[in-house]
């Protein structure tokens, strides 16, 4: 198991909520601490895609995830959108890395523009300025020229743009296999150990 670290995971209102929830589970299962941030629209998407009711109050969300992933060894802390005294809001206490999964084009544009109108945007800004790893998992198609220009701007700053594009060479047998493939690629970016998908060239 890799050394315990702290990762900020932001859930925004793009389709693809199973990716984000599975990512939280895997990070906690690997013994890491998760700082969870989520947008108001993420609550709508979680209910639509997973029948998952994310409460509006951070303590209630913490209880929900602790119960949902009770068998993991990691920890979770949840922060509201306007929690400006939360650790990820300051460069004096940045996470080891951050993932926005799924990431809306609006959130991506705000990060590319250096905006900090909510805690998700501010946390991403902190991670970039402090030289930590930031991974964005956009789930949109097709991409417009505006989307691509924003992604290129961020990529040139060292941000990892990791679209939610599952592969089929692994012969996925379920939707969960497709989800796990994308989550595995995110975990690889942070060198977090996992066994979610067979690697190319390895025996099944």
C-alpha atoms as a PDB file:
ATOM      1  CA  UNK A   1       0.000   0.000   0.000  1.00  0.00           C
ATOM      2  CA  UNK A   2       1.254   3.490  -0.859  1.00  0.00           C
ATOM      3  CA  UNK A   3       1.881   5.971   1.977  1.00  0.00           C
ATOM      4  CA  UNK A   4      -1.286   7.647   3.251  1.00  0.00           C
ATOM      5  CA  UNK A   5      -1.987  10.986   1.589  1.00  0.00           C
ATOM      6  CA  UNK A   6      -4.781  13.534   1.397  1.00  0.00           C
ATOM      7  CA  UNK A   7      -6.712  14.060  -1.818  1.00  0.00           C
ATOM      8  CA  UNK A   8      -9.395  16.616  -2.581  1.00  0.00           C
ATOM      9  CA  UNK A   9     -12.187  15.167  -4.700  1.00  0.00           C
ATOM     10  CA  UNK A  10     -14.719  17.541  -6.228  1.00  0.00           C
ATOM     11  CA  UNK A  11     -18.037  16.353  -7.652  1.00  0.00           C
ATOM     12  CA  UNK A  12     -19.655  18.752 -10.127  1.00  0.00           C
ATOM     13  CA  UNK A  13     -22.801  18.611 -12.214  1.00  0.00           C
ATOM     14  CA  UNK A  14     -21.573  16.739 -15.292  1.00  0.00           C
ATOM     15  CA  UNK A  15     -22.894  13.294 -16.074  1.00  0.00           C
ATOM     16  CA  UNK A  16     -20.625  10.572 -14.709  1.00  0.00           C
ATOM     17  CA  UNK A  17     -21.292  10.619 -10.972  1.00  0.00           C
ATOM     18  CA  UNK A  18     -20.459   6.869 -10.644  1.00  0.00           C
ATOM     19  CA  UNK A  19     -16.857   7.730 -11.531  1.00  0.00           C
ATOM     20  CA  UNK A  20     -16.550  10.218  -8.690  1.00  0.00           C
ATOM     21  CA  UNK A  21     -18.223   8.058  -6.057  1.00  0.00           C
ATOM     22  CA  UNK A  22     -16.135   5.030  -7.015  1.00  0.00           C
ATOM     23  CA  UNK A  23     -12.994   7.174  -6.867  1.00  0.00           C
ATOM     24  CA  UNK A  24     -13.815   8.236  -3.304  1.00  0.00           C
ATOM     25  CA  UNK A  25     -14.346   4.596  -2.362  1.00  0.00           C
ATOM     26  CA  UNK A  26     -11.029   3.483  -3.867  1.00  0.00           C
ATOM     27  CA  UNK A  27      -9.018   6.282  -2.269  1.00  0.00           C
ATOM     28  CA  UNK A  28     -10.482   5.466   1.135  1.00  0.00           C
ATOM     29  CA  UNK A  29      -9.955   1.737   0.581  1.00  0.00           C
ATOM     30  CA  UNK A  30      -6.278   2.484  -0.075  1.00  0.00           C
ATOM     31  CA  UNK A  31      -6.045   4.202   3.313  1.00  0.00           C
ATOM     32  CA  UNK A  32      -6.017   7.804   2.140  1.00  0.00           C
ATOM     33  CA  UNK A  33      -7.931  10.822   3.440  1.00  0.00           C
ATOM     34  CA  UNK A  34     -10.490  12.393   1.122  1.00  0.00           C
ATOM     35  CA  UNK A  35     -11.560  16.016   1.314  1.00  0.00           C
ATOM     36  CA  UNK A  36     -14.883  15.953  -0.519  1.00  0.00           C
ATOM     37  CA  UNK A  37     -16.309  19.037  -2.222  1.00  0.00           C
ATOM     38  CA  UNK A  38     -19.500  19.040  -4.261  1.00  0.00           C
ATOM     39  CA  UNK A  39     -21.638  21.477  -6.201  1.00  0.00           C
ATOM     40  CA  UNK A  40     -25.371  21.965  -5.908  1.00  0.00           C
ATOM     41  CA  UNK A  41     -25.948  20.479  -9.356  1.00  0.00           C
ATOM     42  CA  UNK A  42     -23.892  17.430  -8.340  1.00  0.00           C
ATOM     43  CA  UNK A  43     -26.671  16.680  -5.880  1.00  0.00           C
ATOM     44  CA  UNK A  44     -29.155  16.604  -8.754  1.00  0.00           C
ATOM     45  CA  UNK A  45     -26.934  14.381 -10.903  1.00  0.00           C
ATOM     46  CA  UNK A  46     -26.221  11.961  -8.036  1.00  0.00           C
ATOM     47  CA  UNK A  47     -29.932  11.419  -7.535  1.00  0.00           C
ATOM     48  CA  UNK A  48     -30.612  11.109 -11.283  1.00  0.00           C
ATOM     49  CA  UNK A  49     -27.784   8.672 -12.067  1.00  0.00           C
ATOM     50  CA  UNK A  50     -27.395   6.706  -8.845  1.00  0.00           C
ATOM     51  CA  UNK A  51     -30.506   7.301  -6.747  1.00  0.00           C
ATOM     52  CA  UNK A  52     -28.039   8.794  -4.269  1.00  0.00           C
ATOM     53  CA  UNK A  53     -29.370  11.619  -2.104  1.00  0.00           C
ATOM     54  CA  UNK A  54     -26.483  13.897  -1.149  1.00  0.00           C
ATOM     55  CA  UNK A  55     -27.594  16.029   1.801  1.00  0.00           C
ATOM     56  CA  UNK A  56     -26.980  19.758   1.744  1.00  0.00           C
ATOM     57  CA  UNK A  57     -25.199  19.789   5.118  1.00  0.00           C
ATOM     58  CA  UNK A  58     -21.570  18.647   5.151  1.00  0.00           C
ATOM     59  CA  UNK A  59     -21.789  16.630   8.417  1.00  0.00           C
ATOM     60  CA  UNK A  60     -24.678  14.600   6.992  1.00  0.00           C
ATOM     61  CA  UNK A  61     -22.694  13.848   3.839  1.00  0.00           C
ATOM     62  CA  UNK A  62     -19.771  12.686   5.977  1.00  0.00           C
ATOM     63  CA  UNK A  63     -22.074  10.297   7.826  1.00  0.00           C
ATOM     64  CA  UNK A  64     -23.475   9.026   4.513  1.00  0.00           C
ATOM     65  CA  UNK A  65     -20.059   8.190   3.090  1.00  0.00           C
ATOM     66  CA  UNK A  66     -18.742   6.721   6.323  1.00  0.00           C
ATOM     67  CA  UNK A  67     -21.688   4.335   6.352  1.00  0.00           C
ATOM     68  CA  UNK A  68     -21.453   3.606   2.627  1.00  0.00           C
ATOM     69  CA  UNK A  69     -17.735   2.787   2.811  1.00  0.00           C
ATOM     70  CA  UNK A  70     -17.569   1.481   6.364  1.00  0.00           C
ATOM     71  CA  UNK A  71     -15.138  -1.281   5.424  1.00  0.00           C
ATOM     72  CA  UNK A  72     -12.394   1.073   4.228  1.00  0.00           C
ATOM     73  CA  UNK A  73      -9.383   2.243   6.198  1.00  0.00           C
ATOM     74  CA  UNK A  74      -9.374   5.834   4.958  1.00  0.00           C
ATOM     75  CA  UNK A  75     -11.057   8.956   6.282  1.00  0.00           C
ATOM     76  CA  UNK A  76     -13.375  11.528   4.748  1.00  0.00           C
ATOM     77  CA  UNK A  77     -14.050  15.171   5.470  1.00  0.00           C
ATOM     78  CA  UNK A  78     -16.717  17.120   3.606  1.00  0.00           C
ATOM     79  CA  UNK A  79     -16.702  20.878   3.054  1.00  0.00           C
ATOM     80  CA  UNK A  80     -19.501  23.124   1.828  1.00  0.00           C
ATOM     81  CA  UNK A  81     -19.255  25.365  -1.214  1.00  0.00           C
ATOM     82  CA  UNK A  82     -18.720  28.485   0.879  1.00  0.00           C
ATOM     83  CA  UNK A  83     -16.462  26.954   3.556  1.00  0.00           C
ATOM     84  CA  UNK A  84     -13.682  29.487   3.098  1.00  0.00           C
ATOM     85  CA  UNK A  85     -11.906  28.385   6.278  1.00  0.00           C
ATOM     86  CA  UNK A  86     -11.603  24.800   4.992  1.00  0.00           C
ATOM     87  CA  UNK A  87      -8.008  23.535   4.537  1.00  0.00           C
ATOM     88  CA  UNK A  88      -8.098  23.352   0.702  1.00  0.00           C
ATOM     89  CA  UNK A  89      -8.939  27.066   0.499  1.00  0.00           C
ATOM     90  CA  UNK A  90      -5.398  28.024   1.480  1.00  0.00           C
ATOM     91  CA  UNK A  91      -1.968  27.351   0.066  1.00  0.00           C
ATOM     92  CA  UNK A  92      -0.758  26.884   3.633  1.00  0.00           C
ATOM     93  CA  UNK A  93      -2.584  23.543   3.807  1.00  0.00           C
ATOM     94  CA  UNK A  94      -3.037  22.115   0.288  1.00  0.00           C
ATOM     95  CA  UNK A  95      -3.939  18.483  -0.401  1.00  0.00           C
ATOM     96  CA  UNK A  96      -1.373  16.169  -1.966  1.00  0.00           C
ATOM     97  CA  UNK A  97      -3.516  16.197  -5.094  1.00  0.00           C
ATOM     98  CA  UNK A  98      -6.963  17.076  -6.365  1.00  0.00           C
ATOM     99  CA  UNK A  99      -9.451  15.530  -8.790  1.00  0.00           C
ATOM    100  CA  UNK A 100     -12.583  17.091 -10.241  1.00  0.00           C
ATOM    101  CA  UNK A 101     -14.626  14.058 -11.272  1.00  0.00           C
ATOM    102  CA  UNK A 102     -16.901  14.496 -13.092  1.00  0.00           C
ATOM    103  CA  UNK A 103     -15.912  17.961 -14.273  1.00  0.00           C
ATOM    104  CA  UNK A 104     -18.355  20.281 -16.021  1.00  0.00           C
ATOM    105  CA  UNK A 105     -17.181  22.574 -18.798  1.00  0.00           C
ATOM    106  CA  UNK A 106     -18.233  25.507 -16.616  1.00  0.00           C
ATOM    107  CA  UNK A 107     -15.980  24.384 -13.781  1.00  0.00           C
ATOM    108  CA  UNK A 108     -13.137  23.715 -16.203  1.00  0.00           C
ATOM    109  CA  UNK A 109     -13.537  27.194 -17.697  1.00  0.00           C
ATOM    110  CA  UNK A 110     -13.584  28.810 -14.253  1.00  0.00           C
ATOM    111  CA  UNK A 111     -10.385  26.996 -13.265  1.00  0.00           C
ATOM    112  CA  UNK A 112      -8.734  27.964 -16.568  1.00  0.00           C
ATOM    113  CA  UNK A 113      -9.711  31.575 -15.905  1.00  0.00           C
ATOM    114  CA  UNK A 114      -8.313  31.574 -12.384  1.00  0.00           C
ATOM    115  CA  UNK A 115     -11.709  32.246 -10.812  1.00  0.00           C
ATOM    116  CA  UNK A 116     -12.376  31.394  -7.177  1.00  0.00           C
ATOM    117  CA  UNK A 117     -16.074  32.004  -6.745  1.00  0.00           C
ATOM    118  CA  UNK A 118     -16.613  28.824  -4.713  1.00  0.00           C
ATOM    119  CA  UNK A 119     -14.501  26.354  -2.774  1.00  0.00           C
ATOM    120  CA  UNK A 120     -14.073  23.950  -5.704  1.00  0.00           C
ATOM    121  CA  UNK A 121     -12.620  26.672  -7.913  1.00  0.00           C
ATOM    122  CA  UNK A 122     -10.494  28.062  -5.095  1.00  0.00           C
ATOM    123  CA  UNK A 123      -9.140  24.632  -4.154  1.00  0.00           C
ATOM    124  CA  UNK A 124      -8.167  23.970  -7.771  1.00  0.00           C
ATOM    125  CA  UNK A 125      -6.481  27.368  -7.953  1.00  0.00           C
ATOM    126  CA  UNK A 126      -4.521  26.556  -4.794  1.00  0.00           C
ATOM    127  CA  UNK A 127      -3.412  23.169  -6.128  1.00  0.00           C
ATOM    128  CA  UNK A 128      -2.154  24.757  -9.350  1.00  0.00           C
ATOM    129  CA  UNK A 129      -0.298  27.602  -7.670  1.00  0.00           C
ATOM    130  CA  UNK A 130       1.280  25.268  -5.116  1.00  0.00           C
ATOM    131  CA  UNK A 131       2.519  22.928  -7.821  1.00  0.00           C
ATOM    132  CA  UNK A 132       0.422  19.936  -6.739  1.00  0.00           C
ATOM    133  CA  UNK A 133      -1.217  17.447  -9.095  1.00  0.00           C
ATOM    134  CA  UNK A 134      -4.631  18.441 -10.478  1.00  0.00           C
ATOM    135  CA  UNK A 135      -6.665  15.991 -12.559  1.00  0.00           C
ATOM    136  CA  UNK A 136      -9.841  17.039 -14.353  1.00  0.00           C
ATOM    137  CA  UNK A 137     -12.212  14.351 -15.645  1.00  0.00           C
ATOM    138  CA  UNK A 138     -14.474  16.077 -18.185  1.00  0.00           C
ATOM    139  CA  UNK A 139     -17.559  14.170 -19.318  1.00  0.00           C
ATOM    140  CA  UNK A 140     -18.876  16.005 -22.341  1.00  0.00           C
ATOM    141  CA  UNK A 141     -19.273  15.321 -26.054  1.00  0.00           C
ATOM    142  CA  UNK A 142     -18.654  16.801 -28.499  1.00  0.00           C
ATOM    143  CA  UNK A 143     -16.078  19.318 -27.271  1.00  0.00           C
ATOM    144  CA  UNK A 144     -16.388  22.817 -28.682  1.00  0.00           C
ATOM    145  CA  UNK A 145     -13.390  24.938 -29.624  1.00  0.00           C
ATOM    146  CA  UNK A 146     -13.934  26.865 -26.378  1.00  0.00           C
ATOM    147  CA  UNK A 147     -13.732  23.643 -24.357  1.00  0.00           C
ATOM    148  CA  UNK A 148     -10.596  22.517 -26.178  1.00  0.00           C
ATOM    149  CA  UNK A 149      -8.878  25.885 -25.780  1.00  0.00           C
ATOM    150  CA  UNK A 150      -9.566  25.852 -22.036  1.00  0.00           C
ATOM    151  CA  UNK A 151      -8.211  22.299 -21.765  1.00  0.00           C
ATOM    152  CA  UNK A 152      -5.077  23.236 -23.716  1.00  0.00           C
ATOM    153  CA  UNK A 153      -4.497  26.249 -21.478  1.00  0.00           C
ATOM    154  CA  UNK A 154      -4.699  24.054 -18.384  1.00  0.00           C
ATOM    155  CA  UNK A 155      -2.621  21.248 -19.898  1.00  0.00           C
ATOM    156  CA  UNK A 156       0.160  23.737 -20.570  1.00  0.00           C
ATOM    157  CA  UNK A 157       0.078  24.583 -16.853  1.00  0.00           C
ATOM    158  CA  UNK A 158       0.606  20.927 -15.995  1.00  0.00           C
ATOM    159  CA  UNK A 159      -3.013  20.021 -15.280  1.00  0.00           C
ATOM    160  CA  UNK A 160      -3.914  16.469 -16.327  1.00  0.00           C
ATOM    161  CA  UNK A 161      -6.972  16.392 -18.603  1.00  0.00           C
ATOM    162  CA  UNK A 162      -8.347  12.866 -18.290  1.00  0.00           C
ATOM    163  CA  UNK A 163     -11.637  12.501 -20.181  1.00  0.00           C
ATOM    164  CA  UNK A 164     -13.977   9.759 -19.020  1.00  0.00           C
ATOM    165  CA  UNK A 165     -13.200   7.494 -21.989  1.00  0.00           C
ATOM    166  CA  UNK A 166     -13.420   3.817 -21.014  1.00  0.00           C
ATOM    167  CA  UNK A 167     -11.574   1.255 -23.165  1.00  0.00           C
ATOM    168  CA  UNK A 168     -12.808  -2.029 -24.560  1.00  0.00           C
ATOM    169  CA  UNK A 169      -9.589  -4.029 -24.968  1.00  0.00           C
ATOM    170  CA  UNK A 170     -10.165  -5.292 -21.436  1.00  0.00           C
ATOM    171  CA  UNK A 171     -13.403  -6.938 -22.610  1.00  0.00           C
ATOM    172  CA  UNK A 172     -15.647  -5.185 -20.042  1.00  0.00           C
ATOM    173  CA  UNK A 173     -18.554  -7.342 -18.907  1.00  0.00           C
ATOM    174  CA  UNK A 174     -20.488  -4.665 -17.021  1.00  0.00           C
ATOM    175  CA  UNK A 175     -20.973  -0.944 -16.574  1.00  0.00           C
ATOM    176  CA  UNK A 176     -18.925  -1.261 -13.375  1.00  0.00           C
ATOM    177  CA  UNK A 177     -15.980  -2.503 -15.442  1.00  0.00           C
ATOM    178  CA  UNK A 178     -16.221   0.626 -17.606  1.00  0.00           C
ATOM    179  CA  UNK A 179     -16.363   2.851 -14.540  1.00  0.00           C
ATOM    180  CA  UNK A 180     -13.401   1.073 -12.955  1.00  0.00           C
ATOM    181  CA  UNK A 181     -11.262   1.558 -16.057  1.00  0.00           C
ATOM    182  CA  UNK A 182     -11.557   5.349 -15.857  1.00  0.00           C
ATOM    183  CA  UNK A 183     -11.101   5.408 -12.076  1.00  0.00           C
ATOM    184  CA  UNK A 184      -7.997   3.247 -12.488  1.00  0.00           C
ATOM    185  CA  UNK A 185      -6.463   5.821 -14.824  1.00  0.00           C
ATOM    186  CA  UNK A 186      -7.120   8.552 -12.245  1.00  0.00           C
ATOM    187  CA  UNK A 187      -5.523   6.494  -9.471  1.00  0.00           C
ATOM    188  CA  UNK A 188      -2.496   5.873 -11.687  1.00  0.00           C
ATOM    189  CA  UNK A 189      -1.951   9.632 -11.936  1.00  0.00           C
ATOM    190  CA  UNK A 190      -1.434   9.711  -8.168  1.00  0.00           C
ATOM    191  CA  UNK A 191       0.423   6.382  -7.990  1.00  0.00           C
ATOM    192  CA  UNK A 192      -2.292   4.882  -5.804  1.00  0.00           C
ATOM    193  CA  UNK A 193      -2.210   1.087  -5.796  1.00  0.00           C
ATOM    194  CA  UNK A 194      -5.258  -0.684  -7.198  1.00  0.00           C
ATOM    195  CA  UNK A 195      -6.457  -3.783  -9.014  1.00  0.00           C
ATOM    196  CA  UNK A 196      -9.368  -2.282 -10.879  1.00  0.00           C
ATOM    197  CA  UNK A 197      -8.348  -3.206 -14.416  1.00  0.00           C
ATOM    198  CA  UNK A 198      -5.972  -5.497 -16.244  1.00  0.00           C
ATOM    199  CA  UNK A 199      -2.972  -3.586 -17.587  1.00  0.00           C
ATOM    200  CA  UNK A 200      -2.003  -3.841 -21.221  1.00  0.00           C
ATOM    201  CA  UNK A 201       0.276  -6.846 -21.747  1.00  0.00           C
ATOM    202  CA  UNK A 202      -0.564  -8.454 -18.413  1.00  0.00           C
ATOM    203  CA  UNK A 203      -2.379 -11.756 -18.101  1.00  0.00           C
ATOM    204  CA  UNK A 204      -6.069 -11.443 -17.129  1.00  0.00           C
END
